[in-house]
Amino acid sequence: MKSTYLMAIAISSAMLSACNNGSSTKLKETVRAVEIAAGQTPQLEEVFADSTYQLTGVAVAEGNRIFVNYPYWLDTHSYSVVEVKNGKSVPYPDAKWNSFKKGEDGQNKFVCVQAVVTDEKGFLWVVDAAGIGLGKVYQNSSKVLKINLSNNEIEKVYRFPENVVNEDVYINDIRVDNDNGFAYLTNSNTGGIVVLNINSGTSRLVLGNATSVKADPNYHFSPLGTELKKGDGSLLKVNSDGIALTPDNQYLYYKPLTDNRLYRIKTDLLRDFKTTETILNKSVEDLGKFITTDGMIFDNKGNLYLGDLEHNSIVKITPDLKMQTIVKDDEQLIWPDSYSISEDGYLYISNSQIQLMPWFHEGKEKFRKPFKILRIKI
């Protein structure tokens, strides 16, 4: 459907207020309205298109510099991170980092890049999960790069010990808190949050066994109208994936991909590596049921933007947990994946078309090429 599609749905239930003590807060179903009002639908604009192979991430920097990443999921693969210049893909930061081939050493090359994120300090952060085809980590080469956009030089490469990122940990998305000197990454395979001290380089994996990082086995994830199944007939279940920091950096929001619950936890607890797993588990707040989403991002007003994978739309959750669909487009919003907000107030959206991959269609690609980066004014 076109982006001018009008929809109104009202859902109501009770919400419990947060407890003042440090115990876990359970919020019941959120009172919310999901609607698009006539005349208020923002227009989707195409800013980049690529028919070569599948993309997942987008990041916009000062001066509207656009960066895109391509994970090594399928056999057709070449570059991993590019800067978009005059509509063309230019390997970034250089061709060497984008030259990896199976069998080579992946320590100083991109292996399977999952996400790109820019920060307010002028850096691009690149998450290399190194899990080719979503498989086990290739030769211990998972890493995070911090690249200085002023000179396009790599400032630091963060690597992880085995007890944090082992071969079964697929680091997925990242959010960076420069004020306190920490970054947070989701582990979408086995579940959990990786907490990285960006000053010392030390890290730890937390909440690995928490309910909040595990996809609900009873949720029927159906982006194509029927529950999505893998080639072996099993149902697709993806654990902690989407992640977002509140503008004040006080809360980390996260959720499993293949169910509709949303969670948050105070970041001061995560930053203190002495905080026990017991305390962390008790401190997680269940915010209730919303939608399934891949990535998510906060604006500077505290609104949270997510992509509704099952309804080809973008939604906004306000600070009081009211939810509104702001645009719906069945033709263009095909698995809205990752997000970035530009200085001039546009929400950039990557569309990865994951539900159309050969993994779910007996080895046949169902992609509607080209893959696109879109944007809307927010």
Protein backbone atom coordinates (compact mmCIF):
# COMPACT_ATOMS: atom_id res chain seq x y z
CA MET A 1 0.00 0.00 0.00
CA LYS A 2 1.02 3.60 -0.45
CA SER A 3 2.34 5.64 2.41
CA THR A 4 -0.90 7.62 2.46
CA TYR A 5 -2.72 4.59 3.81
CA LEU A 6 -4.91 5.61 6.75
CA MET A 7 -5.37 3.33 9.71
CA ALA A 8 -6.90 3.64 13.18
CA ILE A 9 -6.69 1.04 15.89
CA ALA A 10 -7.40 1.57 19.56
CA ILE A 11 -5.99 -0.74 22.16
CA SER A 12 -6.50 -0.17 25.86
CA SER A 13 -5.43 -1.80 29.08
CA ALA A 14 -4.07 -0.85 32.48
CA MET A 15 -0.54 0.25 33.27
CA LEU A 16 1.12 -0.08 36.64
CA SER A 17 3.31 2.79 37.76
CA ALA A 18 6.96 2.08 38.45
CA CYS A 19 7.94 1.05 41.95
CA ASN A 20 10.19 3.41 43.86
CA ASN A 21 12.37 0.61 45.19
CA GLY A 22 15.12 -1.06 43.14
CA SER A 23 13.11 -4.19 42.39
CA SER A 24 11.96 -5.22 38.91
CA THR A 25 9.01 -3.21 37.65
CA LYS A 26 6.35 -5.03 35.65
CA LEU A 27 4.17 -2.79 33.57
CA LYS A 28 0.92 -4.27 32.31
CA GLU A 29 -0.38 -3.76 28.79
CA THR A 30 0.18 -0.13 27.91
CA VAL A 31 -2.72 2.20 27.24
CA ARG A 32 -1.99 3.36 23.73
CA ALA A 33 -3.50 4.53 20.46
CA VAL A 34 -2.16 3.32 17.14
CA GLU A 35 -3.33 5.63 14.41
CA ILE A 36 -2.46 7.69 11.39
CA ALA A 37 -4.50 10.85 11.13
CA ALA A 38 -5.54 12.20 7.72
CA GLY A 39 -3.13 14.82 6.41
CA GLN A 40 -0.41 13.95 8.92
CA THR A 41 1.32 11.06 7.15
CA PRO A 42 4.99 11.87 6.42
CA GLN A 43 6.23 11.00 2.95
CA LEU A 44 8.83 8.31 2.41
CA GLU A 45 11.77 9.53 0.35
CA GLU A 46 14.27 7.22 -1.33
CA VAL A 47 17.85 8.33 -0.67
CA PHE A 48 19.81 5.28 -1.85
CA ALA A 49 19.13 2.08 -3.76
CA ASP A 50 21.37 -0.92 -4.41
CA SER A 51 20.57 -4.08 -6.34
CA THR A 52 23.91 -5.83 -5.77
CA TYR A 53 23.18 -7.60 -2.50
CA GLN A 54 21.45 -7.30 0.85
CA LEU A 55 22.05 -4.39 3.21
CA THR A 56 21.03 -4.07 6.86
CA GLY A 57 22.38 -0.90 8.48
CA VAL A 58 22.41 2.84 7.88
CA ALA A 59 24.16 5.69 9.68
CA VAL A 60 23.99 9.41 8.94
CA ALA A 61 26.75 11.76 10.06
CA GLU A 62 27.32 15.52 10.05
CA GLY A 63 26.82 17.01 6.63
CA ASN A 64 24.38 14.20 5.79
CA ARG A 65 27.15 11.74 5.06
CA ILE A 66 25.48 8.34 4.64
CA PHE A 67 27.05 4.99 5.53
CA VAL A 68 25.56 1.57 4.77
CA ASN A 69 26.62 -1.95 5.70
CA TYR A 70 26.13 -5.33 4.04
CA PRO A 71 26.41 -8.52 6.13
CA TYR A 72 28.08 -11.61 4.71
CA TRP A 73 24.94 -13.77 4.87
CA LEU A 74 24.59 -15.13 1.35
CA ASP A 75 27.15 -16.33 -1.19
CA THR A 76 26.96 -13.10 -3.19
CA HIS A 77 29.07 -10.64 -1.21
CA SER A 78 31.81 -8.10 -1.79
CA TYR A 79 32.14 -4.93 0.29
CA SER A 80 30.90 -4.72 3.91
CA VAL A 81 30.80 -0.98 4.71
CA VAL A 82 30.39 1.84 2.22
CA GLU A 83 29.93 5.58 2.18
CA VAL A 84 27.29 6.71 -0.29
CA LYS A 85 28.77 9.34 -2.60
CA ASN A 86 26.68 10.72 -5.45
CA GLY A 87 24.48 7.67 -5.20
CA LYS A 88 27.42 5.26 -5.51
CA SER A 89 28.84 2.77 -2.99
CA VAL A 90 32.43 3.61 -2.01
CA PRO A 91 34.13 1.04 0.30
CA TYR A 92 34.83 2.59 3.70
CA PRO A 93 37.21 3.33 5.33
CA ASP A 94 39.16 1.75 2.47
CA ALA A 95 39.20 -1.16 0.05
CA LYS A 96 41.53 -3.30 2.18
CA TRP A 97 39.14 -3.50 5.11
CA ASN A 98 36.46 -4.55 2.64
CA SER A 99 38.52 -7.21 0.84
CA PHE A 100 37.88 -10.27 3.05
CA LYS A 101 37.50 -13.70 1.44
CA LYS A 102 36.72 -16.97 3.19
CA GLY A 103 39.91 -18.64 4.36
CA GLU A 104 41.71 -15.36 5.04
CA ASP A 105 42.58 -13.91 8.42
CA GLY A 106 39.63 -11.77 9.52
CA GLN A 107 41.31 -9.92 12.37
CA ASN A 108 41.95 -6.75 10.37
CA LYS A 109 39.26 -7.04 7.73
CA PHE A 110 35.49 -6.88 7.87
CA VAL A 111 34.06 -10.40 7.96
CA CYS A 112 30.30 -10.04 8.53
CA VAL A 113 29.30 -6.51 9.46
CA GLN A 114 25.91 -6.25 11.14
CA ALA A 115 25.56 -2.57 12.05
CA VAL A 116 26.94 0.94 11.57
CA VAL A 117 26.17 3.77 14.00
CA THR A 118 27.34 7.39 14.21
CA ASP A 119 27.68 9.36 17.44
CA GLU A 120 27.62 13.02 18.43
CA LYS A 121 31.42 13.18 18.65
CA GLY A 122 32.02 12.56 14.97
CA PHE A 123 32.76 8.84 15.01
CA LEU A 124 31.39 5.90 13.07
CA TRP A 125 31.04 2.66 15.03
CA VAL A 126 31.09 -0.58 13.04
CA VAL A 127 29.89 -3.88 14.53
CA ASP A 128 31.55 -6.89 12.89
CA ALA A 129 29.70 -9.92 14.23
CA ALA A 130 31.94 -12.13 12.05
CA GLY A 131 29.26 -14.82 11.88
CA ILE A 132 29.16 -15.65 8.17
CA GLY A 133 25.63 -16.71 7.23
CA LEU A 134 24.65 -16.15 10.88
CA GLY A 135 26.90 -19.10 11.73
CA LYS A 136 29.58 -19.39 14.38
CA VAL A 137 32.08 -16.55 14.78
CA TYR A 138 34.81 -16.86 12.16
CA GLN A 139 38.25 -17.41 13.73
CA ASN A 140 37.57 -15.23 16.80
CA SER A 141 37.34 -12.17 14.56
CA SER A 142 34.27 -10.42 16.00
CA LYS A 143 35.11 -6.79 16.78
CA VAL A 144 33.92 -3.20 16.99
CA LEU A 145 35.66 -0.40 15.11
CA LYS A 146 35.67 3.27 16.08
CA ILE A 147 36.42 5.41 13.01
CA ASN A 148 37.16 9.15 13.11
CA LEU A 149 35.02 10.77 10.42
CA SER A 150 37.15 13.92 10.31
CA ASN A 151 40.10 12.05 8.80
CA ASN A 152 38.51 8.64 7.99
CA GLU A 153 41.08 6.88 10.16
CA ILE A 154 40.41 3.95 12.48
CA GLU A 155 40.94 5.22 15.99
CA LYS A 156 40.43 1.95 17.85
CA VAL A 157 39.50 -1.69 17.31
CA TYR A 158 37.75 -3.33 20.25
CA ARG A 159 38.04 -7.10 20.61
CA PHE A 160 36.43 -9.41 23.13
CA PRO A 161 37.61 -12.24 25.37
CA GLU A 162 36.13 -15.72 24.98
CA ASN A 163 34.02 -15.39 28.13
CA VAL A 164 32.26 -12.36 26.62
CA VAL A 165 31.96 -13.13 22.92
CA ASN A 166 32.47 -16.82 22.17
CA GLU A 167 31.79 -18.52 18.84
CA ASP A 168 28.05 -18.63 19.54
CA VAL A 169 27.62 -14.93 20.34
CA TYR A 170 26.37 -12.82 17.43
CA ILE A 171 26.88 -9.17 18.38
CA ASN A 172 24.16 -7.29 16.57
CA ASP A 173 23.47 -3.62 17.26
CA ILE A 174 25.29 -0.98 19.33
CA ARG A 175 24.56 2.22 21.20
CA VAL A 176 27.31 4.49 22.51
CA ASP A 177 27.34 6.69 25.62
CA ASN A 178 30.38 8.94 25.25
CA ASP A 179 29.56 10.92 28.40
CA ASN A 180 30.06 7.90 30.64
CA GLY A 181 32.45 6.03 28.37
CA PHE A 182 30.42 2.92 27.59
CA ALA A 183 28.84 1.12 24.67
CA TYR A 184 26.12 -1.54 24.72
CA LEU A 185 25.59 -4.32 22.21
CA THR A 186 22.92 -6.97 21.84
CA ASN A 187 23.68 -10.67 21.40
CA SER A 188 20.93 -11.82 19.07
CA ASN A 189 21.92 -15.47 18.96
CA THR A 190 22.04 -16.86 22.49
CA GLY A 191 20.75 -13.64 24.06
CA GLY A 192 22.30 -11.05 26.35
CA ILE A 193 23.82 -7.57 26.49
CA VAL A 194 27.53 -6.92 25.98
CA VAL A 195 28.72 -3.95 28.04
CA LEU A 196 31.91 -2.36 26.69
CA ASN A 197 34.05 0.21 28.51
CA ILE A 198 35.19 2.26 25.52
CA ASN A 199 38.04 3.84 27.49
CA SER A 200 39.68 0.72 28.92
CA GLY A 201 38.38 -1.79 26.38
CA THR A 202 37.16 -4.15 29.10
CA SER A 203 33.80 -5.83 28.57
CA ARG A 204 31.35 -8.32 29.98
CA LEU A 205 28.23 -10.19 28.86
CA VAL A 206 25.21 -9.75 31.13
CA LEU A 207 21.61 -10.98 31.29
CA GLY A 208 22.55 -13.99 29.18
CA ASN A 209 19.98 -16.19 30.90
CA ALA A 210 17.33 -13.53 31.54
CA THR A 211 13.80 -13.96 30.21
CA SER A 212 13.94 -10.43 28.79
CA VAL A 213 16.62 -11.32 26.22
CA LYS A 214 14.90 -14.52 25.03
CA ALA A 215 12.25 -14.57 22.31
CA ASP A 216 8.87 -15.72 23.56
CA PRO A 217 8.40 -19.25 22.13
CA ASN A 218 4.64 -18.76 22.15
CA TYR A 219 4.67 -15.68 19.92
CA HIS A 220 3.79 -16.38 16.28
CA PHE A 221 6.10 -14.10 14.30
CA SER A 222 4.41 -13.65 10.91
CA PRO A 223 5.85 -10.88 8.67
CA LEU A 224 4.43 -12.65 5.59
CA GLY A 225 1.03 -13.38 7.10
CA THR A 226 2.07 -16.85 8.23
CA GLU A 227 4.66 -17.82 10.81
CA LEU A 228 8.16 -17.53 9.39
CA LYS A 229 9.95 -20.89 9.12
CA LYS A 230 13.56 -21.74 8.32
CA GLY A 231 14.64 -24.26 5.74
CA ASP A 232 14.61 -27.12 8.24
CA GLY A 233 11.00 -26.36 9.11
CA SER A 234 11.75 -24.81 12.49
CA LEU A 235 10.25 -21.46 13.42
CA LEU A 236 12.44 -18.36 13.30
CA LYS A 237 13.30 -17.23 16.84
CA VAL A 238 15.69 -14.30 17.31
CA ASN A 239 16.69 -13.14 20.77
CA SER A 240 17.81 -9.69 22.00
CA ASP A 241 18.31 -7.52 18.92
CA GLY A 242 16.93 -3.97 18.95
CA ILE A 243 18.63 -1.60 21.38
CA ALA A 244 18.33 2.12 22.20
CA LEU A 245 19.63 4.64 24.73
CA THR A 246 17.42 7.37 26.17
CA PRO A 247 18.66 10.91 25.40
CA ASP A 248 19.97 11.29 28.96
CA ASN A 249 21.77 7.91 28.74
CA GLN A 250 20.06 6.75 31.93
CA TYR A 251 18.12 3.83 30.44
CA LEU A 252 18.93 1.15 27.92
CA TYR A 253 15.88 -0.16 26.03
CA TYR A 254 16.04 -3.52 24.28
CA LYS A 255 13.89 -6.39 23.08
CA PRO A 256 13.95 -9.79 21.39
CA LEU A 257 13.19 -9.53 17.68
CA THR A 258 10.52 -12.21 17.26
CA ASP A 259 8.08 -11.14 19.93
CA ASN A 260 6.41 -7.88 20.89
CA ARG A 261 7.66 -7.18 24.42
CA LEU A 262 9.85 -4.20 25.28
CA TYR A 263 12.24 -3.95 28.22
CA ARG A 264 14.56 -1.43 29.82
CA ILE A 265 17.22 -1.28 32.53
CA LYS A 266 19.14 1.54 34.21
CA THR A 267 22.56 1.98 32.68
CA ASP A 268 24.32 2.81 35.95
CA LEU A 269 23.76 -0.81 36.94
CA LEU A 270 25.26 -2.03 33.68
CA ARG A 271 28.27 0.29 33.96
CA ASP A 272 29.18 -1.07 37.38
CA PHE A 273 30.87 -4.38 36.62
CA LYS A 274 30.39 -5.36 40.28
CA THR A 275 26.60 -5.46 39.82
CA THR A 276 25.56 -9.10 40.15
CA GLU A 277 23.42 -10.99 37.66
CA THR A 278 20.80 -11.40 40.38
CA ILE A 279 20.48 -7.64 40.83
CA LEU A 280 20.47 -7.03 37.08
CA ASN A 281 17.71 -9.57 36.52
CA LYS A 282 15.58 -8.04 39.26
CA SER A 283 16.16 -4.56 37.86
CA VAL A 284 14.85 -5.21 34.37
CA GLU A 285 11.57 -3.41 33.71
CA ASP A 286 8.99 -5.09 31.48
CA LEU A 287 7.27 -2.23 29.65
CA GLY A 288 4.56 -4.39 28.10
CA LYS A 289 3.56 -5.52 24.62
CA PHE A 290 4.00 -3.31 21.58
CA ILE A 291 5.18 -4.65 18.20
CA THR A 292 7.92 -6.81 16.72
CA THR A 293 10.88 -4.75 15.53
CA ASP A 294 14.47 -5.15 14.44
CA GLY A 295 16.27 -1.88 15.26
CA MET A 296 15.04 1.11 17.23
CA ILE A 297 16.22 4.62 18.06
CA PHE A 298 15.37 7.56 20.35
CA ASP A 299 15.11 11.15 19.16
CA ASN A 300 16.27 14.00 21.41
CA LYS A 301 12.73 14.43 22.79
CA GLY A 302 12.56 10.92 24.15
CA ASN A 303 10.36 9.44 21.42
CA LEU A 304 11.28 5.89 20.46
CA TYR A 305 11.02 4.86 16.79
CA LEU A 306 10.61 1.23 15.75
CA GLY A 307 9.72 -0.66 12.59
CA ASP A 308 6.65 -2.89 12.73
CA LEU A 309 7.93 -5.91 10.81
CA GLU A 310 4.52 -7.58 10.62
CA HIS A 311 2.68 -4.52 9.26
CA ASN A 312 5.31 -2.80 7.08
CA SER A 313 5.20 0.40 9.07
CA ILE A 314 7.14 2.77 11.31
CA VAL A 315 5.79 3.50 14.78
CA LYS A 316 6.61 6.02 17.47
CA ILE A 317 6.36 5.37 21.20
CA THR A 318 6.17 8.57 23.24
CA PRO A 319 7.77 8.91 26.71
CA ASP A 320 4.39 8.09 28.30
CA LEU A 321 4.34 4.80 26.34
CA LYS A 322 1.64 5.82 23.87
CA MET A 323 2.22 4.27 20.44
CA GLN A 324 1.37 5.76 17.05
CA THR A 325 1.92 4.45 13.54
CA ILE A 326 3.47 7.32 11.59
CA VAL A 327 3.83 5.73 8.14
CA LYS A 328 2.83 2.44 6.49
CA ASP A 329 3.94 1.24 3.06
CA ASP A 330 3.63 -2.39 1.97
CA GLU A 331 5.70 -1.79 -1.16
CA GLN A 332 8.73 -0.07 0.35
CA LEU A 333 8.92 -0.89 4.06
CA ILE A 334 9.98 -4.50 3.63
CA TRP A 335 11.57 -5.43 6.96
CA PRO A 336 12.54 -1.94 8.11
CA ASP A 337 15.78 -2.82 9.83
CA SER A 338 17.97 -0.05 11.23
CA TYR A 339 17.65 3.67 11.88
CA SER A 340 19.62 6.89 12.08
CA ILE A 341 18.46 10.46 12.72
CA SER A 342 20.09 13.32 10.83
CA GLU A 343 20.83 16.83 12.07
CA ASP A 344 18.00 18.23 9.95
CA GLY A 345 15.39 15.97 11.53
CA TYR A 346 15.02 13.02 9.17
CA LEU A 347 14.66 9.42 10.24
CA TYR A 348 16.71 7.24 7.89
CA ILE A 349 15.48 3.66 7.45
CA SER A 350 17.25 0.67 5.96
CA ASN A 351 15.09 -2.09 4.46
CA SER A 352 16.74 -5.51 4.52
CA GLN A 353 13.88 -7.70 3.20
CA ILE A 354 14.93 -10.52 5.54
CA GLN A 355 11.58 -12.32 5.23
CA LEU A 356 12.24 -12.67 1.47
CA MET A 357 15.63 -14.38 1.88
CA PRO A 358 16.19 -17.84 0.40
CA TRP A 359 16.48 -19.17 3.96
CA PHE A 360 12.69 -19.03 4.22
CA HIS A 361 11.72 -19.98 0.65
CA GLU A 362 13.34 -23.34 -0.07
CA GLY A 363 16.56 -21.72 -1.24
CA LYS A 364 14.92 -19.28 -3.64
CA GLU A 365 15.44 -15.52 -3.42
CA LYS A 366 12.19 -13.56 -3.27
CA PHE A 367 13.85 -10.14 -2.95
CA ARG A 368 12.15 -7.10 -4.48
CA LYS A 369 15.28 -5.35 -5.64
CA PRO A 370 16.67 -2.81 -5.25
CA PHE A 371 17.36 -2.73 -1.53
CA LYS A 372 16.62 0.79 -0.30
CA ILE A 373 17.50 3.42 2.25
CA LEU A 374 14.47 5.62 2.85
CA ARG A 375 13.81 8.61 5.07
CA ILE A 376 10.91 10.53 6.60
CA LYS A 377 10.76 13.89 8.30
CA ILE A 378 10.04 13.55 12.03
